[in-house]
C-alpha atoms as a PDB file:
ATOM      1  CA  UNK A   1      19.730   3.681   0.825  1.00  0.00           C
ATOM      2  CA  UNK A   2      19.027   1.489  -2.190  1.00  0.00           C
ATOM      3  CA  UNK A   3      20.012   3.096  -5.439  1.00  0.00           C
ATOM      4  CA  UNK A   4      18.764   0.430  -7.887  1.00  0.00           C
ATOM      5  CA  UNK A   5      15.256   0.315  -9.148  1.00  0.00           C
ATOM      6  CA  UNK A   6      12.895  -2.566  -9.861  1.00  0.00           C
ATOM      7  CA  UNK A   7      12.871  -4.118 -13.311  1.00  0.00           C
ATOM      8  CA  UNK A   8       9.538  -2.781 -14.285  1.00  0.00           C
ATOM      9  CA  UNK A   9      10.926   0.809 -13.583  1.00  0.00           C
ATOM     10  CA  UNK A  10      13.771   0.794 -15.890  1.00  0.00           C
ATOM     11  CA  UNK A  11      11.858   2.697 -18.554  1.00  0.00           C
ATOM     12  CA  UNK A  12      10.882   5.588 -16.414  1.00  0.00           C
ATOM     13  CA  UNK A  13      14.387   5.624 -14.632  1.00  0.00           C
ATOM     14  CA  UNK A  14      16.067   6.067 -18.133  1.00  0.00           C
ATOM     15  CA  UNK A  15      13.722   9.003 -18.783  1.00  0.00           C
ATOM     16  CA  UNK A  16      14.419  10.716 -15.517  1.00  0.00           C
ATOM     17  CA  UNK A  17      18.136  10.454 -16.053  1.00  0.00           C
ATOM     18  CA  UNK A  18      17.844  11.918 -19.558  1.00  0.00           C
ATOM     19  CA  UNK A  19      16.054  14.943 -18.013  1.00  0.00           C
ATOM     20  CA  UNK A  20      18.600  15.107 -15.244  1.00  0.00           C
ATOM     21  CA  UNK A  21      21.652  15.193 -17.655  1.00  0.00           C
ATOM     22  CA  UNK A  22      19.836  17.628 -19.936  1.00  0.00           C
ATOM     23  CA  UNK A  23      19.021  19.834 -16.773  1.00  0.00           C
ATOM     24  CA  UNK A  24      15.353  19.885 -17.783  1.00  0.00           C
ATOM     25  CA  UNK A  25      14.009  18.281 -14.719  1.00  0.00           C
ATOM     26  CA  UNK A  26      10.575  19.630 -13.623  1.00  0.00           C
ATOM     27  CA  UNK A  27      10.781  21.396 -10.220  1.00  0.00           C
ATOM     28  CA  UNK A  28       8.016  19.161  -8.783  1.00  0.00           C
ATOM     29  CA  UNK A  29       7.142  15.687  -9.939  1.00  0.00           C
ATOM     30  CA  UNK A  30       4.084  13.600  -8.889  1.00  0.00           C
ATOM     31  CA  UNK A  31       4.906   9.813  -8.686  1.00  0.00           C
ATOM     32  CA  UNK A  32       1.402   8.395  -8.992  1.00  0.00           C
ATOM     33  CA  UNK A  33       1.303   4.495  -8.673  1.00  0.00           C
ATOM     34  CA  UNK A  34      -0.770   1.797  -6.743  1.00  0.00           C
ATOM     35  CA  UNK A  35       0.532   0.735  -3.475  1.00  0.00           C
ATOM     36  CA  UNK A  36       3.095  -1.990  -3.552  1.00  0.00           C
ATOM     37  CA  UNK A  37       4.674  -1.135  -6.759  1.00  0.00           C
ATOM     38  CA  UNK A  38       7.821   0.395  -5.344  1.00  0.00           C
ATOM     39  CA  UNK A  39       7.416   4.139  -6.010  1.00  0.00           C
ATOM     40  CA  UNK A  40       9.290   5.064  -2.875  1.00  0.00           C
ATOM     41  CA  UNK A  41      12.294   3.008  -4.029  1.00  0.00           C
ATOM     42  CA  UNK A  42      12.193   4.806  -7.306  1.00  0.00           C
ATOM     43  CA  UNK A  43      12.016   8.172  -5.548  1.00  0.00           C
ATOM     44  CA  UNK A  44      14.977   7.106  -3.158  1.00  0.00           C
ATOM     45  CA  UNK A  45      17.028   5.927  -5.997  1.00  0.00           C
ATOM     46  CA  UNK A  46      16.553   9.151  -7.990  1.00  0.00           C
ATOM     47  CA  UNK A  47      17.202  11.339  -5.005  1.00  0.00           C
ATOM     48  CA  UNK A  48      20.467   9.494  -4.430  1.00  0.00           C
ATOM     49  CA  UNK A  49      21.245   9.984  -8.108  1.00  0.00           C
ATOM     50  CA  UNK A  50      20.719  13.794  -7.905  1.00  0.00           C
ATOM     51  CA  UNK A  51      22.695  13.986  -4.734  1.00  0.00           C
ATOM     52  CA  UNK A  52      25.584  11.698  -5.679  1.00  0.00           C
ATOM     53  CA  UNK A  53      28.821  13.539  -6.502  1.00  0.00           C
ATOM     54  CA  UNK A  54      30.369  10.718  -8.666  1.00  0.00           C
ATOM     55  CA  UNK A  55      27.539   8.882 -10.452  1.00  0.00           C
ATOM     56  CA  UNK A  56      28.280   5.748 -12.166  1.00  0.00           C
ATOM     57  CA  UNK A  57      26.285   4.736 -15.289  1.00  0.00           C
ATOM     58  CA  UNK A  58      23.437   7.001 -14.306  1.00  0.00           C
ATOM     59  CA  UNK A  59      23.365   5.348 -10.754  1.00  0.00           C
ATOM     60  CA  UNK A  60      24.581   6.780  -7.481  1.00  0.00           C
ATOM     61  CA  UNK A  61      28.051   5.555  -6.632  1.00  0.00           C
ATOM     62  CA  UNK A  62      27.387   4.798  -3.092  1.00  0.00           C
ATOM     63  CA  UNK A  63      30.705   5.871  -1.972  1.00  0.00           C
ATOM     64  CA  UNK A  64      30.990   9.778  -2.240  1.00  0.00           C
ATOM     65  CA  UNK A  65      30.529  12.106   0.545  1.00  0.00           C
ATOM     66  CA  UNK A  66      27.085  12.797  -0.678  1.00  0.00           C
ATOM     67  CA  UNK A  67      26.127   9.149  -0.765  1.00  0.00           C
ATOM     68  CA  UNK A  68      27.549   8.522   2.589  1.00  0.00           C
ATOM     69  CA  UNK A  69      25.543  11.398   4.115  1.00  0.00           C
ATOM     70  CA  UNK A  70      22.508  10.225   2.644  1.00  0.00           C
ATOM     71  CA  UNK A  71      23.088   6.680   3.774  1.00  0.00           C
ATOM     72  CA  UNK A  72      23.571   8.142   7.368  1.00  0.00           C
ATOM     73  CA  UNK A  73      20.322  10.064   7.130  1.00  0.00           C
ATOM     74  CA  UNK A  74      22.300  13.393   7.566  1.00  0.00           C
ATOM     75  CA  UNK A  75      22.586  14.760   4.089  1.00  0.00           C
ATOM     76  CA  UNK A  76      21.787  18.494   4.463  1.00  0.00           C
ATOM     77  CA  UNK A  77      20.079  18.951   1.141  1.00  0.00           C
ATOM     78  CA  UNK A  78      17.666  16.171   1.452  1.00  0.00           C
ATOM     79  CA  UNK A  79      14.411  16.353   3.353  1.00  0.00           C
ATOM     80  CA  UNK A  80      11.379  13.931   3.644  1.00  0.00           C
ATOM     81  CA  UNK A  81       7.933  15.188   4.535  1.00  0.00           C
ATOM     82  CA  UNK A  82       5.543  12.614   5.934  1.00  0.00           C
ATOM     83  CA  UNK A  83       2.830  12.527   8.612  1.00  0.00           C
ATOM     84  CA  UNK A  84       4.128  12.658  12.144  1.00  0.00           C
ATOM     85  CA  UNK A  85       4.057   9.629  14.496  1.00  0.00           C
ATOM     86  CA  UNK A  86       3.495   9.554  18.258  1.00  0.00           C
ATOM     87  CA  UNK A  87       4.596   6.143  19.344  1.00  0.00           C
ATOM     88  CA  UNK A  88       2.540   3.579  17.402  1.00  0.00           C
ATOM     89  CA  UNK A  89      -0.040   6.315  16.316  1.00  0.00           C
ATOM     90  CA  UNK A  90       0.704   8.142  13.051  1.00  0.00           C
ATOM     91  CA  UNK A  91      -1.272  11.247  12.147  1.00  0.00           C
ATOM     92  CA  UNK A  92      -3.320  10.937   8.856  1.00  0.00           C
ATOM     93  CA  UNK A  93      -2.376  14.400   7.647  1.00  0.00           C
ATOM     94  CA  UNK A  94       0.758  16.396   7.136  1.00  0.00           C
ATOM     95  CA  UNK A  95       0.275  19.600   9.389  1.00  0.00           C
ATOM     96  CA  UNK A  96       0.852  23.115   8.485  1.00  0.00           C
ATOM     97  CA  UNK A  97       3.789  23.596  10.775  1.00  0.00           C
ATOM     98  CA  UNK A  98       5.471  20.639   8.898  1.00  0.00           C
ATOM     99  CA  UNK A  99       4.786  22.358   5.566  1.00  0.00           C
ATOM    100  CA  UNK A 100       6.161  25.632   6.783  1.00  0.00           C
ATOM    101  CA  UNK A 101       9.374  23.869   7.800  1.00  0.00           C
ATOM    102  CA  UNK A 102       9.706  22.516   4.226  1.00  0.00           C
ATOM    103  CA  UNK A 103       9.150  25.979   2.760  1.00  0.00           C
ATOM    104  CA  UNK A 104      12.132  27.252   5.022  1.00  0.00           C
ATOM    105  CA  UNK A 105      14.317  24.283   3.833  1.00  0.00           C
ATOM    106  CA  UNK A 106      13.643  24.986   0.197  1.00  0.00           C
ATOM    107  CA  UNK A 107      14.584  28.725   0.667  1.00  0.00           C
ATOM    108  CA  UNK A 108      17.825  27.775   1.796  1.00  0.00           C
ATOM    109  CA  UNK A 109      21.133  27.494  -0.516  1.00  0.00           C
ATOM    110  CA  UNK A 110      22.303  23.878  -1.052  1.00  0.00           C
ATOM    111  CA  UNK A 111      25.162  23.167   1.403  1.00  0.00           C
ATOM    112  CA  UNK A 112      26.885  20.767  -0.957  1.00  0.00           C
ATOM    113  CA  UNK A 113      26.709  22.798  -4.256  1.00  0.00           C
ATOM    114  CA  UNK A 114      24.253  20.442  -5.901  1.00  0.00           C
ATOM    115  CA  UNK A 115      20.522  19.619  -5.849  1.00  0.00           C
ATOM    116  CA  UNK A 116      18.151  19.941  -3.102  1.00  0.00           C
ATOM    117  CA  UNK A 117      15.562  17.113  -2.823  1.00  0.00           C
ATOM    118  CA  UNK A 118      12.295  17.023  -0.964  1.00  0.00           C
ATOM    119  CA  UNK A 119      10.251  13.881  -0.881  1.00  0.00           C
ATOM    120  CA  UNK A 120       6.499  14.146   0.271  1.00  0.00           C
ATOM    121  CA  UNK A 121       5.008  10.926   0.976  1.00  0.00           C
ATOM    122  CA  UNK A 122       1.976  10.445   0.875  1.00  0.00           C
ATOM    123  CA  UNK A 123       1.199  13.647  -0.887  1.00  0.00           C
ATOM    124  CA  UNK A 124      -2.466  13.043  -0.357  1.00  0.00           C
ATOM    125  CA  UNK A 125      -1.886  13.547   3.352  1.00  0.00           C
ATOM    126  CA  UNK A 126      -1.546  17.310   2.651  1.00  0.00           C
ATOM    127  CA  UNK A 127      -4.638  18.954   3.901  1.00  0.00           C
ATOM    128  CA  UNK A 128      -6.039  22.368   2.820  1.00  0.00           C
ATOM    129  CA  UNK A 129      -3.892  24.275   5.238  1.00  0.00           C
ATOM    130  CA  UNK A 130      -0.534  22.480   4.721  1.00  0.00           C
ATOM    131  CA  UNK A 131      -1.117  22.373   0.863  1.00  0.00           C
ATOM    132  CA  UNK A 132      -1.820  26.077   0.758  1.00  0.00           C
ATOM    133  CA  UNK A 133       1.377  26.757   2.703  1.00  0.00           C
ATOM    134  CA  UNK A 134       3.381  24.948   0.007  1.00  0.00           C
ATOM    135  CA  UNK A 135       1.758  26.280  -3.175  1.00  0.00           C
ATOM    136  CA  UNK A 136       4.100  29.244  -3.735  1.00  0.00           C
ATOM    137  CA  UNK A 137       7.141  27.029  -3.053  1.00  0.00           C
ATOM    138  CA  UNK A 138       6.035  24.230  -5.225  1.00  0.00           C
ATOM    139  CA  UNK A 139       5.545  26.691  -8.037  1.00  0.00           C
ATOM    140  CA  UNK A 140       8.908  28.509  -7.587  1.00  0.00           C
ATOM    141  CA  UNK A 141      11.059  26.261  -5.493  1.00  0.00           C
ATOM    142  CA  UNK A 142      14.391  27.919  -6.196  1.00  0.00           C
ATOM    143  CA  UNK A 143      17.416  26.944  -8.270  1.00  0.00           C
ATOM    144  CA  UNK A 144      18.045  23.071  -8.371  1.00  0.00           C
ATOM    145  CA  UNK A 145      15.453  22.265  -5.866  1.00  0.00           C
ATOM    146  CA  UNK A 146      13.259  19.302  -6.694  1.00  0.00           C
ATOM    147  CA  UNK A 147      10.024  18.070  -4.989  1.00  0.00           C
ATOM    148  CA  UNK A 148       9.062  14.342  -5.502  1.00  0.00           C
ATOM    149  CA  UNK A 149       5.492  13.702  -4.348  1.00  0.00           C
ATOM    150  CA  UNK A 150       4.327  10.096  -3.918  1.00  0.00           C
ATOM    151  CA  UNK A 151       0.717   8.956  -3.924  1.00  0.00           C
ATOM    152  CA  UNK A 152      -1.228   6.078  -4.538  1.00  0.00           C
ATOM    153  CA  UNK A 153      -4.420   8.209  -4.649  1.00  0.00           C
ATOM    154  CA  UNK A 154      -3.768  10.995  -7.076  1.00  0.00           C
ATOM    155  CA  UNK A 155      -7.384  12.103  -7.297  1.00  0.00           C
ATOM    156  CA  UNK A 156      -7.256  12.637  -3.529  1.00  0.00           C
ATOM    157  CA  UNK A 157      -4.839  15.498  -3.990  1.00  0.00           C
ATOM    158  CA  UNK A 158      -6.025  19.089  -3.992  1.00  0.00           C
ATOM    159  CA  UNK A 159      -6.169  20.344  -7.619  1.00  0.00           C
ATOM    160  CA  UNK A 160      -3.786  23.258  -6.755  1.00  0.00           C
ATOM    161  CA  UNK A 161      -1.182  20.565  -5.797  1.00  0.00           C
ATOM    162  CA  UNK A 162      -1.608  18.578  -8.850  1.00  0.00           C
ATOM    163  CA  UNK A 163      -1.512  21.498 -11.151  1.00  0.00           C
ATOM    164  CA  UNK A 164       1.924  22.457  -9.908  1.00  0.00           C
ATOM    165  CA  UNK A 165       3.501  19.025 -10.588  1.00  0.00           C
ATOM    166  CA  UNK A 166       4.615  17.036 -13.527  1.00  0.00           C
ATOM    167  CA  UNK A 167       2.380  13.935 -13.279  1.00  0.00           C
ATOM    168  CA  UNK A 168       4.355  10.623 -13.654  1.00  0.00           C
ATOM    169  CA  UNK A 169       1.779   7.780 -13.847  1.00  0.00           C
ATOM    170  CA  UNK A 170       3.516   4.652 -12.961  1.00  0.00           C
ATOM    171  CA  UNK A 171       1.540   1.701 -14.186  1.00  0.00           C
ATOM    172  CA  UNK A 172       1.554  -1.798 -12.701  1.00  0.00           C
ATOM    173  CA  UNK A 173       4.114  -4.220 -14.265  1.00  0.00           C
ATOM    174  CA  UNK A 174       2.868  -6.972 -16.561  1.00  0.00           C
ATOM    175  CA  UNK A 175       1.998 -10.216 -14.774  1.00  0.00           C
ATOM    176  CA  UNK A 176       5.026 -11.831 -16.541  1.00  0.00           C
ATOM    177  CA  UNK A 177       7.417  -9.197 -15.383  1.00  0.00           C
ATOM    178  CA  UNK A 178       5.826  -9.232 -11.848  1.00  0.00           C
ATOM    179  CA  UNK A 179       6.026 -12.984 -11.514  1.00  0.00           C
ATOM    180  CA  UNK A 180       9.473 -13.278 -12.843  1.00  0.00           C
ATOM    181  CA  UNK A 181      10.630 -10.831 -10.049  1.00  0.00           C
ATOM    182  CA  UNK A 182       8.289 -12.389  -7.393  1.00  0.00           C
ATOM    183  CA  UNK A 183       8.826 -16.101  -7.640  1.00  0.00           C
ATOM    184  CA  UNK A 184      12.517 -16.031  -6.446  1.00  0.00           C
ATOM    185  CA  UNK A 185      11.602 -13.766  -3.415  1.00  0.00           C
ATOM    186  CA  UNK A 186       9.225 -16.507  -2.134  1.00  0.00           C
ATOM    187  CA  UNK A 187       9.923 -19.538   0.105  1.00  0.00           C
ATOM    188  CA  UNK A 188       7.061 -21.085  -1.865  1.00  0.00           C
ATOM    189  CA  UNK A 189       7.342 -19.920  -5.531  1.00  0.00           C
ATOM    190  CA  UNK A 190       4.085 -21.879  -6.602  1.00  0.00           C
ATOM    191  CA  UNK A 191       2.067 -19.460  -4.551  1.00  0.00           C
ATOM    192  CA  UNK A 192       3.237 -16.454  -6.789  1.00  0.00           C
ATOM    193  CA  UNK A 193       0.092 -16.309  -9.035  1.00  0.00           C
ATOM    194  CA  UNK A 194      -2.206 -16.480  -6.046  1.00  0.00           C
ATOM    195  CA  UNK A 195      -0.429 -13.734  -4.075  1.00  0.00           C
ATOM    196  CA  UNK A 196      -0.192 -11.567  -7.181  1.00  0.00           C
ATOM    197  CA  UNK A 197      -3.874 -11.936  -7.810  1.00  0.00           C
ATOM    198  CA  UNK A 198      -4.801 -11.083  -4.112  1.00  0.00           C
ATOM    199  CA  UNK A 199      -2.385  -7.971  -4.366  1.00  0.00           C
ATOM    200  CA  UNK A 200      -4.140  -6.859  -7.505  1.00  0.00           C
ATOM    201  CA  UNK A 201      -0.980  -7.069  -9.578  1.00  0.00           C
ATOM    202  CA  UNK A 202       1.318  -5.129  -7.238  1.00  0.00           C
ATOM    203  CA  UNK A 203       4.377  -7.415  -6.803  1.00  0.00           C
ATOM    204  CA  UNK A 204       5.687  -5.675  -3.529  1.00  0.00           C
ATOM    205  CA  UNK A 205       2.348  -5.917  -1.967  1.00  0.00           C
ATOM    206  CA  UNK A 206       2.230  -9.543  -2.976  1.00  0.00           C
ATOM    207  CA  UNK A 207       5.547 -10.223  -1.424  1.00  0.00           C
ATOM    208  CA  UNK A 208       4.431  -8.672   1.941  1.00  0.00           C
ATOM    209  CA  UNK A 209       1.159 -10.444   1.615  1.00  0.00           C
ATOM    210  CA  UNK A 210       3.114 -13.893   1.828  1.00  0.00           C
ATOM    211  CA  UNK A 211       3.895 -13.280   5.464  1.00  0.00           C
ATOM    212  CA  UNK A 212       0.614 -11.629   6.520  1.00  0.00           C
ATOM    213  CA  UNK A 213      -1.093 -13.588   9.188  1.00  0.00           C
ATOM    214  CA  UNK A 214      -4.466 -13.422   7.519  1.00  0.00           C
ATOM    215  CA  UNK A 215      -3.050 -14.950   4.212  1.00  0.00           C
ATOM    216  CA  UNK A 216      -1.233 -17.601   6.079  1.00  0.00           C
ATOM    217  CA  UNK A 217      -4.328 -18.601   8.139  1.00  0.00           C
ATOM    218  CA  UNK A 218      -7.032 -18.111   5.454  1.00  0.00           C
ATOM    219  CA  UNK A 219      -7.553 -21.834   4.796  1.00  0.00           C
ATOM    220  CA  UNK A 220      -8.065 -22.364   8.459  1.00  0.00           C
ATOM    221  CA  UNK A 221     -10.276 -19.523   8.822  1.00  0.00           C
ATOM    222  CA  UNK A 222     -12.346 -20.913   5.778  1.00  0.00           C
ATOM    223  CA  UNK A 223     -12.697 -24.311   7.493  1.00  0.00           C
ATOM    224  CA  UNK A 224     -13.912 -22.526  10.562  1.00  0.00           C
ATOM    225  CA  UNK A 225     -16.500 -20.412   8.572  1.00  0.00           C
ATOM    226  CA  UNK A 226     -17.979 -23.600   6.942  1.00  0.00           C
ATOM    227  CA  UNK A 227     -17.973 -25.487  10.270  1.00  0.00           C
ATOM    228  CA  UNK A 228     -19.909 -22.750  12.040  1.00  0.00           C
ATOM    229  CA  UNK A 229     -22.211 -22.309   9.050  1.00  0.00           C
ATOM    230  CA  UNK A 230     -23.124 -26.009   9.094  1.00  0.00           C
ATOM    231  CA  UNK A 231     -23.639 -26.123  12.690  1.00  0.00           C
ATOM    232  CA  UNK A 232     -20.778 -28.429  13.406  1.00  0.00           C
ATOM    233  CA  UNK A 233     -18.987 -25.592  15.412  1.00  0.00           C
ATOM    234  CA  UNK A 234     -20.240 -22.902  17.727  1.00  0.00           C
ATOM    235  CA  UNK A 235     -19.339 -19.286  16.648  1.00  0.00           C
ATOM    236  CA  UNK A 236     -17.749 -18.215  20.030  1.00  0.00           C
ATOM    237  CA  UNK A 237     -15.706 -21.385  19.944  1.00  0.00           C
ATOM    238  CA  UNK A 238     -14.498 -20.338  16.425  1.00  0.00           C
ATOM    239  CA  UNK A 239     -13.743 -16.851  17.590  1.00  0.00           C
ATOM    240  CA  UNK A 240     -11.793 -18.129  20.460  1.00  0.00           C
ATOM    241  CA  UNK A 241      -9.671 -20.404  18.119  1.00  0.00           C
ATOM    242  CA  UNK A 242      -8.443 -17.299  16.332  1.00  0.00           C
ATOM    243  CA  UNK A 243      -8.121 -15.135  19.370  1.00  0.00           C
ATOM    244  CA  UNK A 244      -4.301 -14.662  18.912  1.00  0.00           C
ATOM    245  CA  UNK A 245      -4.829 -13.513  15.199  1.00  0.00           C
ATOM    246  CA  UNK A 246      -4.925  -9.592  15.045  1.00  0.00           C
ATOM    247  CA  UNK A 247      -8.405  -8.416  14.598  1.00  0.00           C
ATOM    248  CA  UNK A 248      -7.557  -6.328  11.559  1.00  0.00           C
ATOM    249  CA  UNK A 249      -5.977  -9.333   9.949  1.00  0.00           C
ATOM    250  CA  UNK A 250      -8.987 -11.593  10.587  1.00  0.00           C
ATOM    251  CA  UNK A 251     -11.428  -8.987   9.167  1.00  0.00           C
ATOM    252  CA  UNK A 252      -9.204  -8.717   6.044  1.00  0.00           C
ATOM    253  CA  UNK A 253      -9.427 -12.491   5.595  1.00  0.00           C
ATOM    254  CA  UNK A 254     -13.237 -12.477   6.027  1.00  0.00           C
ATOM    255  CA  UNK A 255     -13.714  -9.570   3.493  1.00  0.00           C
ATOM    256  CA  UNK A 256     -11.211 -11.254   0.923  1.00  0.00           C
ATOM    257  CA  UNK A 257     -12.868 -14.783   1.244  1.00  0.00           C
ATOM    258  CA  UNK A 258     -16.400 -13.449   1.145  1.00  0.00           C
ATOM    259  CA  UNK A 259     -15.565 -11.177  -1.788  1.00  0.00           C
ATOM    260  CA  UNK A 260     -14.328 -14.181  -3.768  1.00  0.00           C
ATOM    261  CA  UNK A 261     -17.311 -16.390  -2.738  1.00  0.00           C
ATOM    262  CA  UNK A 262     -19.739 -13.666  -3.852  1.00  0.00           C
ATOM    263  CA  UNK A 263     -18.051 -13.540  -7.211  1.00  0.00           C
ATOM    264  CA  UNK A 264     -17.918 -17.212  -7.642  1.00  0.00           C
ATOM    265  CA  UNK A 265     -21.415 -17.623  -6.706  1.00  0.00           C
ATOM    266  CA  UNK A 266     -22.899 -15.152  -8.989  1.00  0.00           C
ATOM    267  CA  UNK A 267     -20.395 -16.010 -11.891  1.00  0.00           C
ATOM    268  CA  UNK A 268     -19.237 -19.539 -11.475  1.00  0.00           C
ATOM    269  CA  UNK A 269     -16.978 -19.276 -14.654  1.00  0.00           C
ATOM    270  CA  UNK A 270     -15.173 -16.133 -13.647  1.00  0.00           C
ATOM    271  CA  UNK A 271     -11.628 -16.320 -12.092  1.00  0.00           C
ATOM    272  CA  UNK A 272     -11.253 -16.089  -8.317  1.00  0.00           C
ATOM    273  CA  UNK A 273      -8.206 -14.962  -6.319  1.00  0.00           C
ATOM    274  CA  UNK A 274      -8.361 -17.776  -3.837  1.00  0.00           C
ATOM    275  CA  UNK A 275      -8.262 -20.374  -6.554  1.00  0.00           C
ATOM    276  CA  UNK A 276      -5.988 -22.635  -4.560  1.00  0.00           C
ATOM    277  CA  UNK A 277      -8.771 -23.163  -1.895  1.00  0.00           C
ATOM    278  CA  UNK A 278     -10.917 -25.891  -3.231  1.00  0.00           C
ATOM    279  CA  UNK A 279     -13.373 -25.345  -0.297  1.00  0.00           C
ATOM    280  CA  UNK A 280     -14.227 -21.870  -1.501  1.00  0.00           C
ATOM    281  CA  UNK A 281     -16.664 -23.391  -3.800  1.00  0.00           C
ATOM    282  CA  UNK A 282     -18.674 -24.490  -0.746  1.00  0.00           C
ATOM    283  CA  UNK A 283     -18.764 -20.882   0.602  1.00  0.00           C
ATOM    284  CA  UNK A 284     -19.870 -19.770  -2.716  1.00  0.00           C
ATOM    285  CA  UNK A 285     -22.897 -22.112  -2.696  1.00  0.00           C
ATOM    286  CA  UNK A 286     -24.460 -20.001   0.190  1.00  0.00           C
ATOM    287  CA  UNK A 287     -27.174 -17.712  -0.692  1.00  0.00           C
ATOM    288  CA  UNK A 288     -25.646 -14.492  -2.050  1.00  0.00           C
ATOM    289  CA  UNK A 289     -27.694 -12.265  -0.022  1.00  0.00           C
ATOM    290  CA  UNK A 290     -26.183 -13.978   3.144  1.00  0.00           C
ATOM    291  CA  UNK A 291     -22.800 -13.542   1.804  1.00  0.00           C
ATOM    292  CA  UNK A 292     -23.298 -10.012   0.920  1.00  0.00           C
ATOM    293  CA  UNK A 293     -24.967  -9.113   4.322  1.00  0.00           C
ATOM    294  CA  UNK A 294     -21.969 -10.703   6.064  1.00  0.00           C
ATOM    295  CA  UNK A 295     -19.479  -9.017   3.804  1.00  0.00           C
ATOM    296  CA  UNK A 296     -21.176  -5.659   4.892  1.00  0.00           C
ATOM    297  CA  UNK A 297     -20.774  -6.681   8.475  1.00  0.00           C
ATOM    298  CA  UNK A 298     -16.951  -7.255   7.891  1.00  0.00           C
ATOM    299  CA  UNK A 299     -16.756  -3.791   6.502  1.00  0.00           C
ATOM    300  CA  UNK A 300     -18.528  -2.350   9.542  1.00  0.00           C
ATOM    301  CA  UNK A 301     -16.358  -4.395  11.708  1.00  0.00           C
ATOM    302  CA  UNK A 302     -13.355  -2.744  10.170  1.00  0.00           C
ATOM    303  CA  UNK A 303     -14.802   0.748  10.596  1.00  0.00           C
ATOM    304  CA  UNK A 304     -15.528   0.056  14.167  1.00  0.00           C
ATOM    305  CA  UNK A 305     -11.991  -1.103  14.678  1.00  0.00           C
ATOM    306  CA  UNK A 306     -10.610   2.002  13.264  1.00  0.00           C
ATOM    307  CA  UNK A 307     -12.969   4.634  14.451  1.00  0.00           C
ATOM    308  CA  UNK A 308     -14.222   3.608  17.876  1.00  0.00           C
ATOM    309  CA  UNK A 309     -13.081   2.372  21.237  1.00  0.00           C
ATOM    310  CA  UNK A 310     -15.210  -0.918  21.012  1.00  0.00           C
ATOM    311  CA  UNK A 311     -13.023  -3.881  22.029  1.00  0.00           C
ATOM    312  CA  UNK A 312     -11.444  -5.798  19.119  1.00  0.00           C
ATOM    313  CA  UNK A 313     -12.566  -9.138  20.703  1.00  0.00           C
ATOM    314  CA  UNK A 314     -16.230  -7.845  21.024  1.00  0.00           C
ATOM    315  CA  UNK A 315     -16.126  -6.806  17.326  1.00  0.00           C
ATOM    316  CA  UNK A 316     -14.854 -10.204  16.096  1.00  0.00           C
ATOM    317  CA  UNK A 317     -17.133 -12.140  18.435  1.00  0.00           C
ATOM    318  CA  UNK A 318     -20.264 -10.187  16.987  1.00  0.00           C
ATOM    319  CA  UNK A 319     -18.951 -11.047  13.524  1.00  0.00           C
ATOM    320  CA  UNK A 320     -19.004 -14.690  13.991  1.00  0.00           C
ATOM    321  CA  UNK A 321     -22.364 -14.515  15.852  1.00  0.00           C
ATOM    322  CA  UNK A 322     -23.801 -12.818  12.811  1.00  0.00           C
ATOM    323  CA  UNK A 323     -22.351 -15.491  10.502  1.00  0.00           C
ATOM    324  CA  UNK A 324     -23.847 -18.183  12.521  1.00  0.00           C
ATOM    325  CA  UNK A 325     -27.378 -16.387  12.528  1.00  0.00           C
ATOM    326  CA  UNK A 326     -27.209 -15.512   8.813  1.00  0.00           C
ATOM    327  CA  UNK A 327     -26.227 -19.008   7.655  1.00  0.00           C
ATOM    328  CA  UNK A 328     -28.856 -20.901  10.001  1.00  0.00           C
ATOM    329  CA  UNK A 329     -31.873 -18.701   8.830  1.00  0.00           C
ATOM    330  CA  UNK A 330     -33.724 -18.269   5.703  1.00  0.00           C
ATOM    331  CA  UNK A 331     -32.442 -21.741   4.171  1.00  0.00           C
ATOM    332  CA  UNK A 332     -28.847 -20.571   3.963  1.00  0.00           C
ATOM    333  CA  UNK A 333     -27.423 -23.344   6.009  1.00  0.00           C
ATOM    334  CA  UNK A 334     -24.124 -24.644   4.914  1.00  0.00           C
ATOM    335  CA  UNK A 335     -23.952 -28.242   3.770  1.00  0.00           C
ATOM    336  CA  UNK A 336     -20.872 -30.250   4.622  1.00  0.00           C
END
């Protein structure tokens, strides 16, 4: 388990350690931060610090018995509560039986004479039943038992959960701090600004995005959109060309490109996230209504993919067919 934190977390790390040393830790803390900012790493590092028997400079040593057990995933005083998975399918909620197991764990005595740490991620996966099962324990968890709740949607938590936690809002790092960290992580450092903009300032999300199929193929997809819109290519031919690209990735690319094109079309001077794609200007020249209708179709395609049994290939084919019709009707034809 990693015991260091990201550079933009050093301020909150110092504050947490001061509370720990002074034995003034809240019994439940809510780490609220956008996805891709590293809140789980912060929680893991602090859990390791609390469970370490020989900390060095406010950091877990990594060598004591507590650290060894934690690294092996067998520490008796450490518990992670998350939605259960069944193969590739993961539940959207934390179930009441899971919450009751945590209540039982919190009632036990620490086996290694230190803290007991419970991480709940994502905390917004607690439904009414599982949240209610935890309320009394969250309010009075017992001596040296600390809950670390993680969420990127704090408003989605039940008020009864939020009111029993000390909120720790973790803001996005500054662009300078994020880029200083991000550039060395990339094989193409020059793409850092584009990636960070697309990830809305979240550096870990930006790093993951650099390897996402939709990001890698977005330029090719933009070429295909313009070709189909101009009549130079047929929609189902274009769809077949991207048949190996996961449907959710392709829909994400459609949404991102169309969103930028709408913004550039309505406000040409405003910055766009795909600033490295010169052909985006051609997409932005299409009638805004056409772009917005297709953007809505992409949102609907994502819903169908998530919530229905409609074949992914059919959903994608229909999206390309819609684009062909929309751009060839009403004077929206793409000029190339």
